[in-house]
Amino acid sequence: MKRFFWLFLFVTPFFGAQTKLETGVQYNFIAKDGQNLYNATLVRETPKAYIVKLDSIGEEEIVVEKNILVELPKKSLKVSSLLQEKNLPRRSWQIDFTGTLLAPSGNLTQYADIFPGFALRLGRYLSRLPYLQLNSLWSQVQYVPIVRSPRRIDLGLLALGVAWVLNINRSGTLDFFIQIAPLLSVTHYNSFTYQQTSTGTGATAAIGINWRLPHNLFFTMNVGSNYLYDQETVILIHGVSLGFGISW
């Protein structure tokens, strides 16, 4: 019995030294449900969990429960190029081009129930601002041709606003965003007998996702609404947008 007691005292410290992780070092965490974390930096360790950070989501801390892991975390060596792309930090700038299907209300329904649109959007990711957890600025130029022969409307929209961007998966490849902005609109009406150009103001809001791909590319999708006020006329335009972009 004494022999086992002394063996236990000898082995326990040795085993503990082998399982203790080093703070500030990157590890791979392999989970039973397949939600793995690669290149995660250990911040601290508790008896039941590891507290880590991912470069792809900034300073936000992630709690990894020890009982969900298949094995003890191992130091990150060289992972595949695809995983390296997935865990790249979020870039500061991004630009995307989207095509949109729009459904109007008000006078525009005389022209079409559904019509296309095209948008170019520029975004700037920031460190978290002190108010309302805002972390992104964005601007967008949108062109909407509305045609019903012989009449035609060319609608241009300019927006400049703020956004909340939140990473929603552990590998850092999927961002959820909510964006709002004031609008400036320029509308050109054209028919055989009538032409007019007018300006107006309004607001826009959208929710969507950005799915980051290798080589700094990303796929974007959003659902939004534009509220326009033009010469005592209120117009609502709802739309779904799909497109691709690049970040740097």
C-alpha atoms as a PDB file:
ATOM      1  CA  MET A   1       0.000   0.000   0.000  1.00  0.00           C
ATOM      2  CA  LYS A   2       2.830   2.366   0.856  1.00  0.00           C
ATOM      3  CA  ARG A   3       4.397   1.690  -2.524  1.00  0.00           C
ATOM      4  CA  PHE A   4       1.226   2.862  -4.352  1.00  0.00           C
ATOM      5  CA  PHE A   5       0.963   5.910  -2.130  1.00  0.00           C
ATOM      6  CA  TRP A   6       4.494   7.058  -3.008  1.00  0.00           C
ATOM      7  CA  LEU A   7       3.884   6.262  -6.691  1.00  0.00           C
ATOM      8  CA  PHE A   8       0.758   8.421  -6.621  1.00  0.00           C
ATOM      9  CA  LEU A   9       2.660  11.331  -5.067  1.00  0.00           C
ATOM     10  CA  PHE A  10       5.335  11.008  -7.730  1.00  0.00           C
ATOM     11  CA  VAL A  11       3.059  10.676 -10.777  1.00  0.00           C
ATOM     12  CA  THR A  12       0.453  13.338  -9.894  1.00  0.00           C
ATOM     13  CA  PRO A  13       2.767  16.393 -10.082  1.00  0.00           C
ATOM     14  CA  PHE A  14       4.325  15.013 -13.264  1.00  0.00           C
ATOM     15  CA  PHE A  15       0.918  14.551 -14.908  1.00  0.00           C
ATOM     16  CA  GLY A  16      -0.193  18.028 -13.819  1.00  0.00           C
ATOM     17  CA  ALA A  17       2.917  19.570 -15.336  1.00  0.00           C
ATOM     18  CA  GLN A  18       2.167  17.856 -18.628  1.00  0.00           C
ATOM     19  CA  THR A  19      -1.426  19.112 -18.800  1.00  0.00           C
ATOM     20  CA  LYS A  20      -0.831  22.709 -17.708  1.00  0.00           C
ATOM     21  CA  LEU A  21      -1.183  25.098 -20.667  1.00  0.00           C
ATOM     22  CA  GLU A  22       0.881  28.244 -21.159  1.00  0.00           C
ATOM     23  CA  THR A  23      -0.876  31.589 -21.299  1.00  0.00           C
ATOM     24  CA  GLY A  24      -0.180  33.679 -24.395  1.00  0.00           C
ATOM     25  CA  VAL A  25       0.392  30.570 -26.524  1.00  0.00           C
ATOM     26  CA  GLN A  26      -1.849  29.486 -29.393  1.00  0.00           C
ATOM     27  CA  TYR A  27      -3.614  26.123 -29.186  1.00  0.00           C
ATOM     28  CA  ASN A  28      -6.044  24.044 -31.226  1.00  0.00           C
ATOM     29  CA  PHE A  29      -9.210  23.033 -29.335  1.00  0.00           C
ATOM     30  CA  ILE A  30     -10.966  19.975 -30.792  1.00  0.00           C
ATOM     31  CA  ALA A  31     -14.583  19.696 -29.615  1.00  0.00           C
ATOM     32  CA  LYS A  32     -16.883  16.681 -29.520  1.00  0.00           C
ATOM     33  CA  ASP A  33     -19.543  18.502 -31.565  1.00  0.00           C
ATOM     34  CA  GLY A  34     -17.095  19.535 -34.296  1.00  0.00           C
ATOM     35  CA  GLN A  35     -17.081  23.233 -33.335  1.00  0.00           C
ATOM     36  CA  ASN A  36     -13.292  23.383 -33.277  1.00  0.00           C
ATOM     37  CA  LEU A  37     -11.115  26.394 -32.513  1.00  0.00           C
ATOM     38  CA  TYR A  38      -7.785  26.739 -34.274  1.00  0.00           C
ATOM     39  CA  ASN A  39      -4.972  29.145 -33.406  1.00  0.00           C
ATOM     40  CA  ALA A  40      -6.748  30.348 -30.254  1.00  0.00           C
ATOM     41  CA  THR A  41      -4.572  32.248 -27.785  1.00  0.00           C
ATOM     42  CA  LEU A  42      -4.917  31.131 -24.167  1.00  0.00           C
ATOM     43  CA  VAL A  43      -5.698  34.041 -21.824  1.00  0.00           C
ATOM     44  CA  ARG A  44      -6.175  32.059 -18.624  1.00  0.00           C
ATOM     45  CA  GLU A  45      -7.291  28.685 -17.353  1.00  0.00           C
ATOM     46  CA  THR A  46      -9.841  27.784 -14.676  1.00  0.00           C
ATOM     47  CA  PRO A  47     -10.550  24.343 -13.201  1.00  0.00           C
ATOM     48  CA  LYS A  48     -13.457  23.847 -15.641  1.00  0.00           C
ATOM     49  CA  ALA A  49     -12.650  25.983 -18.684  1.00  0.00           C
ATOM     50  CA  TYR A  50     -10.086  27.678 -20.896  1.00  0.00           C
ATOM     51  CA  ILE A  51     -10.487  31.400 -21.637  1.00  0.00           C
ATOM     52  CA  VAL A  52      -9.135  32.186 -25.104  1.00  0.00           C
ATOM     53  CA  LYS A  53      -9.085  34.852 -27.805  1.00  0.00           C
ATOM     54  CA  LEU A  54      -9.177  34.638 -31.591  1.00  0.00           C
ATOM     55  CA  ASP A  55      -7.416  37.190 -33.771  1.00  0.00           C
ATOM     56  CA  SER A  56     -10.376  37.073 -36.153  1.00  0.00           C
ATOM     57  CA  ILE A  57     -12.772  38.608 -33.585  1.00  0.00           C
ATOM     58  CA  GLY A  58     -10.479  41.002 -31.777  1.00  0.00           C
ATOM     59  CA  GLU A  59     -10.418  41.313 -27.986  1.00  0.00           C
ATOM     60  CA  GLU A  60     -13.596  39.343 -27.254  1.00  0.00           C
ATOM     61  CA  GLU A  61     -12.932  36.423 -24.898  1.00  0.00           C
ATOM     62  CA  ILE A  62     -14.303  32.937 -25.579  1.00  0.00           C
ATOM     63  CA  VAL A  63     -14.975  30.355 -22.864  1.00  0.00           C
ATOM     64  CA  VAL A  64     -14.130  26.771 -23.846  1.00  0.00           C
ATOM     65  CA  GLU A  65     -15.509  24.233 -21.382  1.00  0.00           C
ATOM     66  CA  LYS A  66     -13.040  21.413 -20.740  1.00  0.00           C
ATOM     67  CA  ASN A  67     -15.745  18.724 -20.738  1.00  0.00           C
ATOM     68  CA  ILE A  68     -16.662  19.406 -24.416  1.00  0.00           C
ATOM     69  CA  LEU A  69     -13.167  18.656 -25.712  1.00  0.00           C
ATOM     70  CA  VAL A  70     -12.146  15.383 -27.304  1.00  0.00           C
ATOM     71  CA  GLU A  71      -8.563  15.690 -26.062  1.00  0.00           C
ATOM     72  CA  LEU A  72      -6.221  18.060 -24.313  1.00  0.00           C
ATOM     73  CA  PRO A  73      -5.514  21.173 -26.413  1.00  0.00           C
ATOM     74  CA  LYS A  74      -2.362  20.988 -28.491  1.00  0.00           C
ATOM     75  CA  LYS A  75      -0.094  23.823 -29.477  1.00  0.00           C
ATOM     76  CA  SER A  76      -0.829  25.235 -32.901  1.00  0.00           C
ATOM     77  CA  LEU A  77       1.751  24.239 -35.442  1.00  0.00           C
ATOM     78  CA  LYS A  78       1.133  24.732 -39.149  1.00  0.00           C
ATOM     79  CA  VAL A  79      -2.531  24.409 -40.058  1.00  0.00           C
ATOM     80  CA  SER A  80      -3.888  24.126 -43.572  1.00  0.00           C
ATOM     81  CA  SER A  81      -3.998  27.211 -45.770  1.00  0.00           C
ATOM     82  CA  LEU A  82      -7.803  27.140 -45.672  1.00  0.00           C
ATOM     83  CA  LEU A  83      -7.827  27.342 -41.867  1.00  0.00           C
ATOM     84  CA  GLN A  84      -5.247  30.085 -41.946  1.00  0.00           C
ATOM     85  CA  GLU A  85      -7.521  32.075 -44.245  1.00  0.00           C
ATOM     86  CA  LYS A  86     -10.496  31.468 -41.940  1.00  0.00           C
ATOM     87  CA  ASN A  87      -8.677  32.794 -38.901  1.00  0.00           C
ATOM     88  CA  LEU A  88      -7.284  35.945 -40.447  1.00  0.00           C
ATOM     89  CA  PRO A  89      -8.127  39.094 -38.474  1.00  0.00           C
ATOM     90  CA  ARG A  90     -11.070  41.113 -39.724  1.00  0.00           C
ATOM     91  CA  ARG A  91      -9.736  43.632 -42.240  1.00  0.00           C
ATOM     92  CA  SER A  92     -10.123  47.375 -41.757  1.00  0.00           C
ATOM     93  CA  TRP A  93     -11.741  48.169 -45.125  1.00  0.00           C
ATOM     94  CA  GLN A  94     -14.191  46.328 -47.322  1.00  0.00           C
ATOM     95  CA  ILE A  95     -16.018  47.015 -50.565  1.00  0.00           C
ATOM     96  CA  ASP A  96     -18.793  44.994 -52.153  1.00  0.00           C
ATOM     97  CA  PHE A  97     -21.081  45.033 -55.175  1.00  0.00           C
ATOM     98  CA  THR A  98     -24.627  43.700 -54.866  1.00  0.00           C
ATOM     99  CA  GLY A  99     -27.621  43.103 -57.061  1.00  0.00           C
ATOM    100  CA  THR A 100     -31.021  43.768 -55.510  1.00  0.00           C
ATOM    101  CA  LEU A 101     -34.649  42.817 -56.058  1.00  0.00           C
ATOM    102  CA  LEU A 102     -36.894  45.635 -54.845  1.00  0.00           C
ATOM    103  CA  ALA A 103     -40.596  45.898 -54.093  1.00  0.00           C
ATOM    104  CA  PRO A 104     -41.984  49.460 -53.886  1.00  0.00           C
ATOM    105  CA  SER A 105     -44.997  51.164 -52.359  1.00  0.00           C
ATOM    106  CA  GLY A 106     -46.700  54.434 -53.206  1.00  0.00           C
ATOM    107  CA  ASN A 107     -46.614  55.910 -56.717  1.00  0.00           C
ATOM    108  CA  LEU A 108     -43.839  53.593 -57.867  1.00  0.00           C
ATOM    109  CA  THR A 109     -46.261  50.649 -58.017  1.00  0.00           C
ATOM    110  CA  GLN A 110     -47.677  52.269 -61.180  1.00  0.00           C
ATOM    111  CA  TYR A 111     -44.400  51.361 -62.889  1.00  0.00           C
ATOM    112  CA  ALA A 112     -43.573  47.905 -61.540  1.00  0.00           C
ATOM    113  CA  ASP A 113     -44.290  45.588 -58.643  1.00  0.00           C
ATOM    114  CA  ILE A 114     -40.699  44.305 -58.561  1.00  0.00           C
ATOM    115  CA  PHE A 115     -37.645  45.860 -60.163  1.00  0.00           C
ATOM    116  CA  PRO A 116     -33.836  45.452 -60.011  1.00  0.00           C
ATOM    117  CA  GLY A 117     -31.231  47.607 -58.373  1.00  0.00           C
ATOM    118  CA  PHE A 118     -27.455  47.746 -58.090  1.00  0.00           C
ATOM    119  CA  ALA A 119     -25.357  48.955 -55.178  1.00  0.00           C
ATOM    120  CA  LEU A 120     -21.730  49.666 -54.367  1.00  0.00           C
ATOM    121  CA  ARG A 121     -20.935  49.746 -50.643  1.00  0.00           C
ATOM    122  CA  LEU A 122     -17.764  50.788 -48.812  1.00  0.00           C
ATOM    123  CA  GLY A 123     -17.246  49.876 -45.159  1.00  0.00           C
ATOM    124  CA  ARG A 124     -14.666  50.805 -42.519  1.00  0.00           C
ATOM    125  CA  TYR A 125     -14.277  48.558 -39.482  1.00  0.00           C
ATOM    126  CA  LEU A 126     -13.303  50.465 -36.319  1.00  0.00           C
ATOM    127  CA  SER A 127     -12.320  49.686 -32.780  1.00  0.00           C
ATOM    128  CA  ARG A 128     -15.472  49.621 -30.665  1.00  0.00           C
ATOM    129  CA  LEU A 129     -16.823  53.124 -30.149  1.00  0.00           C
ATOM    130  CA  PRO A 130     -17.953  54.226 -26.681  1.00  0.00           C
ATOM    131  CA  TYR A 131     -21.599  54.739 -27.674  1.00  0.00           C
ATOM    132  CA  LEU A 132     -24.090  51.937 -28.446  1.00  0.00           C
ATOM    133  CA  GLN A 133     -21.269  49.466 -29.205  1.00  0.00           C
ATOM    134  CA  LEU A 134     -20.924  50.778 -32.770  1.00  0.00           C
ATOM    135  CA  ASN A 135     -17.949  49.341 -34.612  1.00  0.00           C
ATOM    136  CA  SER A 136     -18.314  50.186 -38.296  1.00  0.00           C
ATOM    137  CA  LEU A 137     -18.963  53.076 -40.676  1.00  0.00           C
ATOM    138  CA  TRP A 138     -20.330  52.516 -44.156  1.00  0.00           C
ATOM    139  CA  SER A 139     -21.414  54.370 -47.283  1.00  0.00           C
ATOM    140  CA  GLN A 140     -23.393  53.164 -50.261  1.00  0.00           C
ATOM    141  CA  VAL A 141     -24.335  54.340 -53.731  1.00  0.00           C
ATOM    142  CA  GLN A 142     -27.379  52.607 -55.219  1.00  0.00           C
ATOM    143  CA  TYR A 143     -28.858  52.875 -58.718  1.00  0.00           C
ATOM    144  CA  VAL A 144     -32.428  51.747 -59.412  1.00  0.00           C
ATOM    145  CA  PRO A 145     -33.846  51.837 -62.967  1.00  0.00           C
ATOM    146  CA  ILE A 146     -37.639  51.598 -63.016  1.00  0.00           C
ATOM    147  CA  VAL A 147     -39.015  51.165 -66.524  1.00  0.00           C
ATOM    148  CA  ARG A 148     -42.548  50.833 -67.832  1.00  0.00           C
ATOM    149  CA  SER A 149     -42.592  51.917 -71.461  1.00  0.00           C
ATOM    150  CA  PRO A 150     -42.888  54.707 -72.415  1.00  0.00           C
ATOM    151  CA  ARG A 151     -42.178  55.945 -68.875  1.00  0.00           C
ATOM    152  CA  ARG A 152     -38.915  55.577 -67.011  1.00  0.00           C
ATOM    153  CA  ILE A 153     -37.588  56.541 -63.587  1.00  0.00           C
ATOM    154  CA  ASP A 154     -33.884  56.566 -62.727  1.00  0.00           C
ATOM    155  CA  LEU A 155     -33.419  56.603 -58.968  1.00  0.00           C
ATOM    156  CA  GLY A 156     -30.069  57.238 -57.303  1.00  0.00           C
ATOM    157  CA  LEU A 157     -29.546  56.797 -53.554  1.00  0.00           C
ATOM    158  CA  LEU A 158     -26.605  57.903 -51.428  1.00  0.00           C
ATOM    159  CA  ALA A 159     -26.265  56.683 -47.824  1.00  0.00           C
ATOM    160  CA  LEU A 160     -23.677  57.303 -45.114  1.00  0.00           C
ATOM    161  CA  GLY A 161     -24.207  55.667 -41.733  1.00  0.00           C
ATOM    162  CA  VAL A 162     -23.135  53.366 -38.938  1.00  0.00           C
ATOM    163  CA  ALA A 163     -23.333  49.632 -38.317  1.00  0.00           C
ATOM    164  CA  TRP A 164     -23.081  47.009 -35.618  1.00  0.00           C
ATOM    165  CA  VAL A 165     -20.972  44.034 -36.732  1.00  0.00           C
ATOM    166  CA  LEU A 166     -20.992  40.847 -34.659  1.00  0.00           C
ATOM    167  CA  ASN A 167     -19.090  37.639 -35.349  1.00  0.00           C
ATOM    168  CA  ILE A 168     -21.461  34.671 -34.910  1.00  0.00           C
ATOM    169  CA  ASN A 169     -19.295  31.577 -35.371  1.00  0.00           C
ATOM    170  CA  ARG A 170     -16.172  30.348 -33.643  1.00  0.00           C
ATOM    171  CA  SER A 171     -13.981  30.140 -36.722  1.00  0.00           C
ATOM    172  CA  GLY A 172     -14.482  33.862 -37.359  1.00  0.00           C
ATOM    173  CA  THR A 173     -15.836  33.511 -40.904  1.00  0.00           C
ATOM    174  CA  LEU A 174     -19.435  34.684 -40.458  1.00  0.00           C
ATOM    175  CA  ASP A 175     -20.398  38.240 -39.471  1.00  0.00           C
ATOM    176  CA  PHE A 176     -23.918  39.439 -38.692  1.00  0.00           C
ATOM    177  CA  PHE A 177     -24.553  43.157 -39.175  1.00  0.00           C
ATOM    178  CA  ILE A 178     -27.231  45.784 -38.656  1.00  0.00           C
ATOM    179  CA  GLN A 179     -26.803  49.064 -40.519  1.00  0.00           C
ATOM    180  CA  ILE A 180     -28.715  52.346 -40.532  1.00  0.00           C
ATOM    181  CA  ALA A 181     -28.156  55.608 -42.377  1.00  0.00           C
ATOM    182  CA  PRO A 182     -29.817  58.797 -43.624  1.00  0.00           C
ATOM    183  CA  LEU A 183     -30.483  58.905 -47.367  1.00  0.00           C
ATOM    184  CA  LEU A 184     -30.180  61.447 -50.125  1.00  0.00           C
ATOM    185  CA  SER A 185     -32.137  60.587 -53.269  1.00  0.00           C
ATOM    186  CA  VAL A 186     -32.006  61.940 -56.818  1.00  0.00           C
ATOM    187  CA  THR A 187     -34.935  60.971 -59.048  1.00  0.00           C
ATOM    188  CA  HIS A 188     -35.200  61.571 -62.795  1.00  0.00           C
ATOM    189  CA  TYR A 189     -38.647  61.081 -64.402  1.00  0.00           C
ATOM    190  CA  ASN A 190     -38.755  60.662 -68.155  1.00  0.00           C
ATOM    191  CA  SER A 191     -41.548  60.063 -70.697  1.00  0.00           C
ATOM    192  CA  PHE A 192     -42.370  61.241 -74.227  1.00  0.00           C
ATOM    193  CA  THR A 193     -43.945  64.434 -72.978  1.00  0.00           C
ATOM    194  CA  TYR A 194     -42.466  65.014 -69.530  1.00  0.00           C
ATOM    195  CA  GLN A 195     -39.076  65.202 -67.854  1.00  0.00           C
ATOM    196  CA  GLN A 196     -38.215  66.201 -64.329  1.00  0.00           C
ATOM    197  CA  THR A 197     -35.378  65.751 -61.826  1.00  0.00           C
ATOM    198  CA  SER A 198     -35.963  66.083 -58.110  1.00  0.00           C
ATOM    199  CA  THR A 199     -34.101  65.448 -54.878  1.00  0.00           C
ATOM    200  CA  GLY A 200     -35.332  64.082 -51.592  1.00  0.00           C
ATOM    201  CA  THR A 201     -34.259  62.737 -48.232  1.00  0.00           C
ATOM    202  CA  GLY A 202     -35.001  59.637 -46.259  1.00  0.00           C
ATOM    203  CA  ALA A 203     -33.476  56.805 -44.270  1.00  0.00           C
ATOM    204  CA  THR A 204     -32.376  53.226 -44.822  1.00  0.00           C
ATOM    205  CA  ALA A 205     -31.872  50.192 -42.606  1.00  0.00           C
ATOM    206  CA  ALA A 206     -30.772  46.615 -43.260  1.00  0.00           C
ATOM    207  CA  ILE A 207     -29.764  43.409 -41.553  1.00  0.00           C
ATOM    208  CA  GLY A 208     -27.511  40.824 -43.160  1.00  0.00           C
ATOM    209  CA  ILE A 209     -24.492  38.553 -43.066  1.00  0.00           C
ATOM    210  CA  ASN A 210     -20.995  38.564 -44.514  1.00  0.00           C
ATOM    211  CA  TRP A 211     -19.449  35.129 -45.069  1.00  0.00           C
ATOM    212  CA  ARG A 212     -15.690  35.498 -45.341  1.00  0.00           C
ATOM    213  CA  LEU A 213     -13.951  33.349 -47.954  1.00  0.00           C
ATOM    214  CA  PRO A 214     -10.261  32.677 -48.673  1.00  0.00           C
ATOM    215  CA  HIS A 215      -8.084  35.404 -50.241  1.00  0.00           C
ATOM    216  CA  ASN A 216      -9.947  38.243 -48.418  1.00  0.00           C
ATOM    217  CA  LEU A 217     -13.118  37.719 -50.464  1.00  0.00           C
ATOM    218  CA  PHE A 218     -16.569  37.529 -48.895  1.00  0.00           C
ATOM    219  CA  PHE A 219     -20.172  36.795 -49.838  1.00  0.00           C
ATOM    220  CA  THR A 220     -22.781  39.234 -48.556  1.00  0.00           C
ATOM    221  CA  MET A 221     -26.564  39.081 -48.226  1.00  0.00           C
ATOM    222  CA  ASN A 222     -28.957  41.533 -46.609  1.00  0.00           C
ATOM    223  CA  VAL A 223     -32.625  42.435 -46.300  1.00  0.00           C
ATOM    224  CA  GLY A 224     -33.429  46.123 -46.038  1.00  0.00           C
ATOM    225  CA  SER A 225     -35.885  48.980 -46.451  1.00  0.00           C
ATOM    226  CA  ASN A 226     -35.556  52.476 -47.867  1.00  0.00           C
ATOM    227  CA  TYR A 227     -37.829  55.277 -46.676  1.00  0.00           C
ATOM    228  CA  LEU A 228     -37.992  58.194 -49.129  1.00  0.00           C
ATOM    229  CA  TYR A 229     -39.698  61.558 -48.893  1.00  0.00           C
ATOM    230  CA  ASP A 230     -39.938  63.299 -52.247  1.00  0.00           C
ATOM    231  CA  GLN A 231     -42.132  66.370 -52.845  1.00  0.00           C
ATOM    232  CA  GLU A 232     -44.796  65.469 -50.269  1.00  0.00           C
ATOM    233  CA  THR A 233     -44.751  61.836 -51.375  1.00  0.00           C
ATOM    234  CA  VAL A 234     -43.682  59.062 -49.014  1.00  0.00           C
ATOM    235  CA  ILE A 235     -42.247  55.955 -50.663  1.00  0.00           C
ATOM    236  CA  LEU A 236     -41.143  52.696 -49.049  1.00  0.00           C
ATOM    237  CA  ILE A 237     -38.897  50.337 -50.996  1.00  0.00           C
ATOM    238  CA  HIS A 238     -38.053  46.921 -49.549  1.00  0.00           C
ATOM    239  CA  GLY A 239     -35.335  44.729 -51.012  1.00  0.00           C
ATOM    240  CA  VAL A 240     -33.138  41.650 -50.846  1.00  0.00           C
ATOM    241  CA  SER A 241     -29.498  42.025 -51.905  1.00  0.00           C
ATOM    242  CA  LEU A 242     -26.860  39.441 -52.811  1.00  0.00           C
ATOM    243  CA  GLY A 243     -23.272  40.061 -53.847  1.00  0.00           C
ATOM    244  CA  PHE A 244     -19.542  39.647 -53.342  1.00  0.00           C
ATOM    245  CA  GLY A 245     -16.820  41.856 -52.001  1.00  0.00           C
ATOM    246  CA  ILE A 246     -13.188  42.094 -50.960  1.00  0.00           C
ATOM    247  CA  SER A 247     -11.581  43.332 -47.750  1.00  0.00           C
ATOM    248  CA  TRP A 248      -8.115  44.717 -47.082  1.00  0.00           C
END
